[in-house]
Protein backbone atom coordinates (compact mmCIF):
# COMPACT_ATOMS: atom_id res chain seq x y z
CA MET A 1 43.15 50.34 0.45
CA SER A 2 42.19 52.81 -2.26
CA ASN A 3 39.40 55.34 -1.91
CA SER A 4 37.33 53.63 -4.62
CA VAL A 5 37.40 50.31 -2.76
CA ILE A 6 36.34 52.02 0.46
CA LEU A 7 33.50 53.83 -1.35
CA LYS A 8 32.34 50.56 -2.96
CA ASN A 9 32.35 48.81 0.41
CA MET A 10 30.46 51.70 2.00
CA SER A 11 27.99 51.64 -0.87
CA LYS A 12 27.35 47.92 -0.35
CA THR A 13 26.90 48.44 3.38
CA THR A 14 24.55 51.38 2.85
CA SER A 15 22.56 49.43 0.28
CA SER A 16 22.32 46.45 2.62
CA ASP A 17 21.33 48.71 5.52
CA ASN A 18 18.65 50.37 3.35
CA ASN A 19 17.26 46.99 2.34
CA GLN A 20 17.13 45.87 5.98
CA LYS A 21 15.48 49.15 6.96
CA LYS A 22 12.87 48.81 4.17
CA HIS A 23 12.21 45.20 5.19
CA LYS A 24 11.78 46.27 8.80
CA GLU A 25 9.44 49.14 7.77
CA THR A 26 7.38 46.78 5.59
CA LYS A 27 7.20 44.24 8.41
CA THR A 28 6.13 46.99 10.85
CA HIS A 29 3.54 48.28 8.34
CA ASN A 30 2.13 44.78 7.81
CA SER A 31 1.98 44.24 11.56
CA HIS A 32 0.21 47.59 12.01
CA GLU A 33 -2.20 46.71 9.19
CA LYS A 34 -3.03 43.35 10.80
CA SER A 35 -3.57 45.12 14.10
CA ASN A 36 -5.97 47.56 12.42
CA MET A 37 -7.82 44.66 10.78
CA ALA A 38 -8.13 42.91 14.14
CA ARG A 39 -9.58 46.08 15.67
CA HIS A 40 -11.91 46.49 12.68
CA ASP A 41 -13.01 42.87 13.00
CA ALA A 42 -13.72 43.27 16.70
CA PHE A 43 -15.65 46.49 16.04
CA VAL A 44 -17.80 45.00 13.26
CA LYS A 45 -18.58 41.88 15.29
CA LYS A 46 -19.43 43.99 18.35
CA VAL A 47 -21.82 46.15 16.29
CA LEU A 48 -23.46 43.13 14.67
CA GLU A 49 -23.92 41.47 18.08
CA ASN A 50 -26.12 44.39 19.12
CA PRO A 51 -29.73 43.21 18.55
CA ILE A 52 -30.92 46.58 17.18
CA ALA A 53 -27.97 46.94 14.80
CA ALA A 54 -28.33 43.29 13.71
CA CYS A 55 -32.04 43.77 12.96
CA GLU A 56 -31.32 46.90 10.96
CA PHE A 57 -28.47 45.22 9.10
CA LEU A 58 -30.56 42.17 8.18
CA ASP A 59 -33.60 44.29 7.34
CA GLU A 60 -31.44 46.27 4.92
CA PHE A 61 -29.44 43.46 3.30
CA LEU A 62 -31.50 40.26 3.47
CA PRO A 63 -33.39 39.52 0.26
CA ALA A 64 -37.12 40.29 0.61
CA GLU A 65 -38.10 36.62 0.26
CA PHE A 66 -36.21 35.83 3.48
CA ARG A 67 -37.01 39.05 5.28
CA ASN A 68 -40.72 38.41 4.75
CA ILE A 69 -40.67 35.02 6.49
CA LEU A 70 -38.41 35.88 9.45
CA ASP A 71 -39.55 37.52 12.65
CA LEU A 72 -36.49 39.73 13.24
CA ASN A 73 -37.83 40.62 16.70
CA THR A 74 -36.85 37.08 17.78
CA LEU A 75 -33.28 37.41 16.50
CA LYS A 76 -30.55 35.83 18.65
CA ILE A 77 -26.80 35.69 18.11
CA GLU A 78 -25.32 32.19 18.01
CA LYS A 79 -21.76 31.84 19.32
CA GLU A 80 -20.37 29.57 16.63
CA SER A 81 -17.91 30.44 13.88
CA TYR A 82 -17.06 28.47 10.76
CA VAL A 83 -14.21 30.59 9.37
CA GLU A 84 -10.91 28.70 9.24
CA ASP A 85 -8.07 30.18 11.29
CA SER A 86 -6.06 30.87 8.13
CA LEU A 87 -8.86 33.14 6.81
CA LYS A 88 -9.69 35.02 10.00
CA THR A 89 -7.55 38.00 9.01
CA LYS A 90 -9.75 38.48 5.92
CA LEU A 91 -13.15 37.19 6.96
CA SER A 92 -15.50 37.25 9.92
CA ASP A 93 -18.73 35.42 10.37
CA ILE A 94 -21.74 35.67 12.60
CA ILE A 95 -24.74 33.39 12.87
CA TYR A 96 -28.20 34.51 13.91
CA SER A 97 -31.21 32.43 14.75
CA ALA A 98 -34.77 33.70 14.47
CA LYS A 99 -38.28 32.33 14.44
CA THR A 100 -40.18 32.22 11.20
CA LYS A 101 -43.47 34.05 11.02
CA PRO A 102 -46.48 31.72 11.36
CA ASN A 103 -47.83 30.97 7.91
CA ALA A 104 -51.35 29.75 7.12
CA GLY A 105 -51.73 28.15 10.54
CA ALA A 106 -48.33 26.45 10.45
CA ALA A 107 -46.27 26.79 13.60
CA SER A 108 -43.26 29.04 13.62
CA GLU A 109 -39.89 27.30 13.19
CA ASN A 110 -36.27 28.12 13.95
CA ALA A 111 -34.26 29.54 11.08
CA PHE A 112 -30.60 30.45 10.85
CA VAL A 113 -28.92 33.30 9.00
CA TYR A 114 -25.21 32.97 8.31
CA CYS A 115 -23.36 36.20 7.53
CA ILE A 116 -19.80 36.17 6.31
CA ILE A 117 -18.10 39.53 6.25
CA GLU A 118 -15.07 40.25 4.09
CA HIS A 119 -12.60 42.83 5.34
CA VAL A 120 -11.84 45.41 2.67
CA ARG A 121 -9.67 48.50 2.78
CA HIS A 122 -11.50 50.34 0.02
CA GLU A 123 -15.04 51.32 -0.81
CA VAL A 124 -17.13 48.58 -2.39
CA ALA A 125 -19.73 49.64 -4.94
CA HIS A 126 -22.08 46.75 -4.19
CA ILE A 127 -22.71 43.98 -1.71
CA LYS A 128 -23.28 40.46 -2.92
CA SER A 129 -26.05 38.41 -1.43
CA VAL A 130 -25.56 34.68 -1.77
CA THR A 131 -28.47 32.41 -0.96
CA GLY A 132 -28.60 28.64 -0.92
CA GLY A 133 -30.85 26.91 -3.37
């Protein structure tokens, strides 16, 4: 076998080995990234399950029209989730219940606040608030 044939075969092997190595590194990186997202998800949910942190979060981000009718001191975390399994690596949700403030003699009622949290790896300039109509 000539030297050029040996070099070509070695080149193919090295190229194939490099591709396998890159694939393995990418797979490891993606696995590490998913692991970080899972830890981030658990951290965010744990923080938002704390009643004080939840009140501060909702006080900061709920639109005034909702904030003004809810008694955030009655806030409770509900244990349900509506995010599909296929989206759980990108989204988390948490549901709170709270009493409404009595209004003009009307009794207070139960209200629910549904928060869906998108996992992002970069800074976001704004937060969208979506309200039902």
